[in-house]
Amino acid sequence: MEKSNILEVGFKLDKDLAYYHNMLIDHGFKNVFNCETWDRYWSNKDFEGMSENEIKRNCVRFRCSRSVKKRFLRRNSFTNSGFQNYLIFDNLAENSFMCPMEALPEFEEKFKKYYWKKVFDTKKKDYQYSIEGMKSRIQLQDIEGIGLLVYYDNPDYYHLPIDEQRKKLIDELNSYGFDFKYDDLGLDKLRTLYYGKECFSENQNG
């Protein structure tokens, strides 16, 4: 299944994390995983006119992350870090590999040498919820500078046309207490950061 045929919705939310946490718990969900991530992206492309997915595919990403056992715990240390989509910069390297944060300046010098620029620097807290039988997870993401969003896709719908996937995802989310309409658009994180204003589309996959 091509990633472009997989739909993910990413709706911006208007209430706080505690509200949606309690709503999902009341519907039988468990909070199964929480983490903090710090993502930095480099590219040599002009993103004008690109979709969210196209921007992601044209960036090398360095991700630092750590799992969080308590829902609202705050701390600054990150325990895991590495590159993703690195082949677009160096086609002789691995596409994804672990890399300690201490080694990042060396890679930053390589990017500068070939005129690649750091285009995004973003942090988020990710709270993941699941219910028995669910093949994916509902993710509540508190993204710095953007706000709280819910992300969801479902492998059971991947075989369906994009429009049908979207309707089924919205119906399913609404059955858990959300209140979305079919014509509501999701928020594109990277396009929002790039243009400096909220940008929306029907599909946040990537």
C-alpha atoms as a PDB file:
ATOM      1  CA  MET A   1       0.000   0.000   0.000  1.00  0.00           C
ATOM      2  CA  GLU A   2       1.459   3.343  -1.075  1.00  0.00           C
ATOM      3  CA  LYS A   3       1.679   5.938   1.679  1.00  0.00           C
ATOM      4  CA  SER A   4      -0.154   8.396  -0.589  1.00  0.00           C
ATOM      5  CA  ASN A   5      -3.192   6.056  -0.463  1.00  0.00           C
ATOM      6  CA  ILE A   6      -3.264   6.132   3.330  1.00  0.00           C
ATOM      7  CA  LEU A   7      -5.275   8.905   4.885  1.00  0.00           C
ATOM      8  CA  GLU A   8      -4.542  10.408   8.288  1.00  0.00           C
ATOM      9  CA  VAL A   9      -6.629  13.176   9.796  1.00  0.00           C
ATOM     10  CA  GLY A  10      -5.066  15.776  12.074  1.00  0.00           C
ATOM     11  CA  PHE A  11      -7.723  18.076  13.506  1.00  0.00           C
ATOM     12  CA  LYS A  12      -6.957  21.039  15.733  1.00  0.00           C
ATOM     13  CA  LEU A  13      -8.812  20.849  19.066  1.00  0.00           C
ATOM     14  CA  ASP A  14     -10.441  23.661  21.021  1.00  0.00           C
ATOM     15  CA  LYS A  15     -10.354  22.225  24.548  1.00  0.00           C
ATOM     16  CA  ASP A  16      -7.420  21.240  26.755  1.00  0.00           C
ATOM     17  CA  LEU A  17      -5.612  17.915  27.015  1.00  0.00           C
ATOM     18  CA  ALA A  18      -7.314  16.909  30.265  1.00  0.00           C
ATOM     19  CA  TYR A  19     -10.752  17.219  28.631  1.00  0.00           C
ATOM     20  CA  TYR A  20      -9.907  14.855  25.760  1.00  0.00           C
ATOM     21  CA  HIS A  21      -7.984  12.484  28.017  1.00  0.00           C
ATOM     22  CA  ASN A  22     -11.015  12.094  30.274  1.00  0.00           C
ATOM     23  CA  MET A  23     -13.352  11.794  27.281  1.00  0.00           C
ATOM     24  CA  LEU A  24     -11.353   8.908  25.807  1.00  0.00           C
ATOM     25  CA  ILE A  25     -11.015   7.160  29.180  1.00  0.00           C
ATOM     26  CA  ASP A  26     -14.801   7.432  29.600  1.00  0.00           C
ATOM     27  CA  HIS A  27     -15.180   5.683  26.221  1.00  0.00           C
ATOM     28  CA  GLY A  28     -13.036   2.740  27.356  1.00  0.00           C
ATOM     29  CA  PHE A  29      -9.629   3.829  26.070  1.00  0.00           C
ATOM     30  CA  LYS A  30      -6.323   3.403  27.863  1.00  0.00           C
ATOM     31  CA  ASN A  31      -3.457   5.875  27.735  1.00  0.00           C
ATOM     32  CA  VAL A  32      -0.855   3.395  26.434  1.00  0.00           C
ATOM     33  CA  PHE A  33       2.155   5.550  25.584  1.00  0.00           C
ATOM     34  CA  ASN A  34       3.405   9.112  26.012  1.00  0.00           C
ATOM     35  CA  CYS A  35       6.515  10.768  24.649  1.00  0.00           C
ATOM     36  CA  GLU A  36       8.188  14.091  24.001  1.00  0.00           C
ATOM     37  CA  THR A  37       9.888  14.726  20.678  1.00  0.00           C
ATOM     38  CA  TRP A  38      12.102  17.440  19.262  1.00  0.00           C
ATOM     39  CA  ASP A  39      12.305  17.424  15.476  1.00  0.00           C
ATOM     40  CA  ARG A  40      14.698  19.412  13.273  1.00  0.00           C
ATOM     41  CA  TYR A  41      14.406  19.380   9.495  1.00  0.00           C
ATOM     42  CA  TRP A  42      16.879  20.253   6.715  1.00  0.00           C
ATOM     43  CA  SER A  43      16.209  20.714   3.026  1.00  0.00           C
ATOM     44  CA  ASN A  44      17.526  22.384  -0.135  1.00  0.00           C
ATOM     45  CA  LYS A  45      14.091  22.718  -1.722  1.00  0.00           C
ATOM     46  CA  ASP A  46      11.587  25.547  -2.166  1.00  0.00           C
ATOM     47  CA  PHE A  47       8.362  24.399  -0.483  1.00  0.00           C
ATOM     48  CA  GLU A  48       6.088  26.852  -2.261  1.00  0.00           C
ATOM     49  CA  GLY A  49       2.985  24.993  -3.458  1.00  0.00           C
ATOM     50  CA  MET A  50       3.972  21.662  -1.879  1.00  0.00           C
ATOM     51  CA  SER A  51       1.544  19.551   0.135  1.00  0.00           C
ATOM     52  CA  GLU A  52       2.299  18.500   3.711  1.00  0.00           C
ATOM     53  CA  ASN A  53       3.384  15.068   2.510  1.00  0.00           C
ATOM     54  CA  GLU A  54       5.617  16.528  -0.221  1.00  0.00           C
ATOM     55  CA  ILE A  55       7.373  18.795   2.280  1.00  0.00           C
ATOM     56  CA  LYS A  56       8.066  15.824   4.575  1.00  0.00           C
ATOM     57  CA  ARG A  57       9.466  13.775   1.693  1.00  0.00           C
ATOM     58  CA  ASN A  58      11.860  16.603   0.789  1.00  0.00           C
ATOM     59  CA  CYS A  59      13.357  16.997   4.264  1.00  0.00           C
ATOM     60  CA  VAL A  60      15.936  15.139   6.311  1.00  0.00           C
ATOM     61  CA  ARG A  61      14.631  14.885   9.865  1.00  0.00           C
ATOM     62  CA  PHE A  62      16.624  14.567  13.084  1.00  0.00           C
ATOM     63  CA  ARG A  63      14.372  13.400  15.904  1.00  0.00           C
ATOM     64  CA  CYS A  64      15.131  13.380  19.627  1.00  0.00           C
ATOM     65  CA  SER A  65      12.594  11.642  21.818  1.00  0.00           C
ATOM     66  CA  ARG A  66      11.962  10.192  25.212  1.00  0.00           C
ATOM     67  CA  SER A  67       9.055   8.240  26.647  1.00  0.00           C
ATOM     68  CA  VAL A  68       7.124   9.786  29.506  1.00  0.00           C
ATOM     69  CA  LYS A  69       5.434   7.573  32.070  1.00  0.00           C
ATOM     70  CA  LYS A  70       3.334  10.281  33.670  1.00  0.00           C
ATOM     71  CA  ARG A  71       0.948  12.204  31.489  1.00  0.00           C
ATOM     72  CA  PHE A  72       1.938  15.753  32.396  1.00  0.00           C
ATOM     73  CA  LEU A  73       5.565  15.192  33.419  1.00  0.00           C
ATOM     74  CA  ARG A  74       7.972  17.839  32.088  1.00  0.00           C
ATOM     75  CA  ARG A  75      11.699  17.350  31.713  1.00  0.00           C
ATOM     76  CA  ASN A  76      14.342  18.489  29.258  1.00  0.00           C
ATOM     77  CA  SER A  77      16.464  15.379  28.702  1.00  0.00           C
ATOM     78  CA  PHE A  78      16.010  13.237  25.577  1.00  0.00           C
ATOM     79  CA  THR A  79      17.082   9.601  25.505  1.00  0.00           C
ATOM     80  CA  ASN A  80      16.805   8.588  21.821  1.00  0.00           C
ATOM     81  CA  SER A  81      17.915  10.458  18.726  1.00  0.00           C
ATOM     82  CA  GLY A  82      18.564   9.761  15.076  1.00  0.00           C
ATOM     83  CA  PHE A  83      18.054  10.706  11.438  1.00  0.00           C
ATOM     84  CA  GLN A  84      15.163   9.828   9.162  1.00  0.00           C
ATOM     85  CA  ASN A  85      14.872  10.214   5.382  1.00  0.00           C
ATOM     86  CA  TYR A  86      18.637  10.780   5.201  1.00  0.00           C
ATOM     87  CA  LEU A  87      18.982   9.175   1.741  1.00  0.00           C
ATOM     88  CA  ILE A  88      17.698  12.306   0.026  1.00  0.00           C
ATOM     89  CA  PHE A  89      20.867  14.033   1.248  1.00  0.00           C
ATOM     90  CA  ASP A  90      23.361  11.180   0.848  1.00  0.00           C
ATOM     91  CA  ASN A  91      22.211   8.264  -1.334  1.00  0.00           C
ATOM     92  CA  LEU A  92      25.152   6.149  -0.161  1.00  0.00           C
ATOM     93  CA  ALA A  93      24.075   6.269   3.476  1.00  0.00           C
ATOM     94  CA  GLU A  94      21.307   4.543   5.406  1.00  0.00           C
ATOM     95  CA  ASN A  95      17.889   6.109   5.245  1.00  0.00           C
ATOM     96  CA  SER A  96      17.341   5.983   9.021  1.00  0.00           C
ATOM     97  CA  PHE A  97      19.928   5.537  11.744  1.00  0.00           C
ATOM     98  CA  MET A  98      20.519   6.372  15.376  1.00  0.00           C
ATOM     99  CA  CYS A  99      22.792   9.319  16.096  1.00  0.00           C
ATOM    100  CA  PRO A 100      23.695  10.848  19.481  1.00  0.00           C
ATOM    101  CA  MET A 101      22.840  14.506  19.925  1.00  0.00           C
ATOM    102  CA  GLU A 102      26.523  15.230  20.569  1.00  0.00           C
ATOM    103  CA  ALA A 103      27.300  14.281  16.950  1.00  0.00           C
ATOM    104  CA  LEU A 104      24.691  16.602  15.442  1.00  0.00           C
ATOM    105  CA  PRO A 105      27.046  19.612  14.902  1.00  0.00           C
ATOM    106  CA  GLU A 106      29.160  17.463  12.555  1.00  0.00           C
ATOM    107  CA  PHE A 107      26.109  16.736  10.406  1.00  0.00           C
ATOM    108  CA  GLU A 108      25.019  20.355  10.513  1.00  0.00           C
ATOM    109  CA  GLU A 109      28.366  21.323   9.007  1.00  0.00           C
ATOM    110  CA  LYS A 110      27.795  18.802   6.208  1.00  0.00           C
ATOM    111  CA  PHE A 111      24.404  20.302   5.468  1.00  0.00           C
ATOM    112  CA  LYS A 112      25.861  23.799   5.340  1.00  0.00           C
ATOM    113  CA  LYS A 113      28.653  22.669   3.029  1.00  0.00           C
ATOM    114  CA  TYR A 114      26.087  21.529   0.455  1.00  0.00           C
ATOM    115  CA  TYR A 115      23.765  24.517   1.018  1.00  0.00           C
ATOM    116  CA  TRP A 116      21.095  22.635   2.898  1.00  0.00           C
ATOM    117  CA  LYS A 117      19.283  24.812   5.445  1.00  0.00           C
ATOM    118  CA  LYS A 118      17.535  23.980   8.700  1.00  0.00           C
ATOM    119  CA  VAL A 119      13.949  24.771   7.777  1.00  0.00           C
ATOM    120  CA  PHE A 120      11.956  23.634  10.843  1.00  0.00           C
ATOM    121  CA  ASP A 121      12.651  23.225  14.546  1.00  0.00           C
ATOM    122  CA  THR A 122       9.630  21.941  16.431  1.00  0.00           C
ATOM    123  CA  LYS A 123       8.782  20.227  19.715  1.00  0.00           C
ATOM    124  CA  LYS A 124       5.693  18.309  20.762  1.00  0.00           C
ATOM    125  CA  LYS A 125       4.227  16.098  23.469  1.00  0.00           C
ATOM    126  CA  ASP A 126       2.446  13.032  22.138  1.00  0.00           C
ATOM    127  CA  TYR A 127      -0.203  11.141  24.153  1.00  0.00           C
ATOM    128  CA  GLN A 128      -1.407   7.885  22.601  1.00  0.00           C
ATOM    129  CA  TYR A 129      -4.652   6.053  23.358  1.00  0.00           C
ATOM    130  CA  SER A 130      -5.965   2.646  22.354  1.00  0.00           C
ATOM    131  CA  ILE A 131      -8.977   0.445  22.956  1.00  0.00           C
ATOM    132  CA  GLU A 132      -9.224  -3.351  22.675  1.00  0.00           C
ATOM    133  CA  GLY A 133      -9.115  -4.493  19.049  1.00  0.00           C
ATOM    134  CA  MET A 134      -7.783  -1.196  17.674  1.00  0.00           C
ATOM    135  CA  LYS A 135      -4.978  -1.599  15.107  1.00  0.00           C
ATOM    136  CA  SER A 136      -3.681   1.954  15.486  1.00  0.00           C
ATOM    137  CA  ARG A 137      -3.825   4.655  18.139  1.00  0.00           C
ATOM    138  CA  ILE A 138      -5.532   7.949  18.669  1.00  0.00           C
ATOM    139  CA  GLN A 139      -2.781  10.493  19.229  1.00  0.00           C
ATOM    140  CA  LEU A 140      -3.263  13.772  21.071  1.00  0.00           C
ATOM    141  CA  GLN A 141      -0.300  15.964  20.145  1.00  0.00           C
ATOM    142  CA  ASP A 142       0.473  19.218  21.922  1.00  0.00           C
ATOM    143  CA  ILE A 143       2.683  20.964  19.346  1.00  0.00           C
ATOM    144  CA  GLU A 144       4.725  23.964  20.406  1.00  0.00           C
ATOM    145  CA  GLY A 145       3.564  27.123  18.658  1.00  0.00           C
ATOM    146  CA  ILE A 146       0.545  25.398  17.077  1.00  0.00           C
ATOM    147  CA  GLY A 147      -1.647  23.881  19.789  1.00  0.00           C
ATOM    148  CA  LEU A 148      -3.373  20.594  20.565  1.00  0.00           C
ATOM    149  CA  LEU A 149      -4.319  18.277  17.680  1.00  0.00           C
ATOM    150  CA  VAL A 150      -5.784  14.792  17.348  1.00  0.00           C
ATOM    151  CA  TYR A 151      -4.216  12.484  14.739  1.00  0.00           C
ATOM    152  CA  TYR A 152      -5.758   9.220  13.603  1.00  0.00           C
ATOM    153  CA  ASP A 153      -5.636   6.677  10.780  1.00  0.00           C
ATOM    154  CA  ASN A 154      -6.995   3.131  10.621  1.00  0.00           C
ATOM    155  CA  PRO A 155      -5.419   0.225   8.650  1.00  0.00           C
ATOM    156  CA  ASP A 156      -8.884  -1.314   8.249  1.00  0.00           C
ATOM    157  CA  TYR A 157      -9.708   1.548   5.856  1.00  0.00           C
ATOM    158  CA  TYR A 158      -6.514   1.641   3.773  1.00  0.00           C
ATOM    159  CA  HIS A 159      -8.119  -0.324   0.921  1.00  0.00           C
ATOM    160  CA  LEU A 160     -10.847   2.297   0.537  1.00  0.00           C
ATOM    161  CA  PRO A 161     -10.779   5.425  -1.637  1.00  0.00           C
ATOM    162  CA  ILE A 162      -9.419   8.469   0.179  1.00  0.00           C
ATOM    163  CA  ASP A 163     -12.827  10.170   0.514  1.00  0.00           C
ATOM    164  CA  GLU A 164     -14.350   7.059   2.072  1.00  0.00           C
ATOM    165  CA  GLN A 165     -11.413   6.653   4.470  1.00  0.00           C
ATOM    166  CA  ARG A 166     -11.917  10.210   5.626  1.00  0.00           C
ATOM    167  CA  LYS A 167     -15.626   9.776   6.320  1.00  0.00           C
ATOM    168  CA  LYS A 168     -15.032   6.549   8.228  1.00  0.00           C
ATOM    169  CA  LEU A 169     -12.270   8.127  10.337  1.00  0.00           C
ATOM    170  CA  ILE A 170     -14.511  11.056  11.214  1.00  0.00           C
ATOM    171  CA  ASP A 171     -17.440   8.756  12.042  1.00  0.00           C
ATOM    172  CA  GLU A 172     -15.195   6.651  14.255  1.00  0.00           C
ATOM    173  CA  LEU A 173     -13.693   9.625  16.071  1.00  0.00           C
ATOM    174  CA  ASN A 174     -17.162  11.062  16.642  1.00  0.00           C
ATOM    175  CA  SER A 175     -18.263   7.748  18.154  1.00  0.00           C
ATOM    176  CA  TYR A 176     -15.585   8.294  20.810  1.00  0.00           C
ATOM    177  CA  GLY A 177     -16.859  11.769  21.758  1.00  0.00           C
ATOM    178  CA  PHE A 178     -15.296  14.104  19.180  1.00  0.00           C
ATOM    179  CA  ASP A 179     -17.518  16.355  17.068  1.00  0.00           C
ATOM    180  CA  PHE A 180     -16.132  16.721  13.538  1.00  0.00           C
ATOM    181  CA  LYS A 181     -17.956  17.336  10.269  1.00  0.00           C
ATOM    182  CA  TYR A 182     -17.066  15.799   6.909  1.00  0.00           C
ATOM    183  CA  ASP A 183     -16.048  19.193   5.525  1.00  0.00           C
ATOM    184  CA  ASP A 184     -13.735  20.024   8.453  1.00  0.00           C
ATOM    185  CA  LEU A 185     -10.125  20.278   7.312  1.00  0.00           C
ATOM    186  CA  GLY A 186      -7.087  19.061   9.209  1.00  0.00           C
ATOM    187  CA  LEU A 187      -4.181  21.314  10.110  1.00  0.00           C
ATOM    188  CA  ASP A 188      -0.862  20.793   8.285  1.00  0.00           C
ATOM    189  CA  LYS A 189       1.953  21.299  10.801  1.00  0.00           C
ATOM    190  CA  LEU A 190       4.864  21.925   8.442  1.00  0.00           C
ATOM    191  CA  ARG A 191       2.908  24.081   6.022  1.00  0.00           C
ATOM    192  CA  THR A 192       1.700  26.135   8.997  1.00  0.00           C
ATOM    193  CA  LEU A 193       5.273  26.606  10.204  1.00  0.00           C
ATOM    194  CA  TYR A 194       6.502  27.419   6.682  1.00  0.00           C
ATOM    195  CA  TYR A 195       3.874  30.044   5.851  1.00  0.00           C
ATOM    196  CA  GLY A 196       3.538  31.447   9.380  1.00  0.00           C
ATOM    197  CA  LYS A 197      -0.231  31.007   9.358  1.00  0.00           C
ATOM    198  CA  GLU A 198      -2.581  28.075   9.842  1.00  0.00           C
ATOM    199  CA  CYS A 199      -2.774  25.901   6.713  1.00  0.00           C
ATOM    200  CA  PHE A 200      -5.351  23.169   6.248  1.00  0.00           C
ATOM    201  CA  SER A 201      -5.963  20.159   3.993  1.00  0.00           C
ATOM    202  CA  GLU A 202      -7.904  16.890   3.966  1.00  0.00           C
ATOM    203  CA  ASN A 203      -4.951  14.548   4.578  1.00  0.00           C
ATOM    204  CA  GLN A 204      -2.040  14.851   7.039  1.00  0.00           C
ATOM    205  CA  ASN A 205      -0.372  11.535   6.178  1.00  0.00           C
ATOM    206  CA  GLY A 206       3.379  11.268   5.901  1.00  0.00           C
END
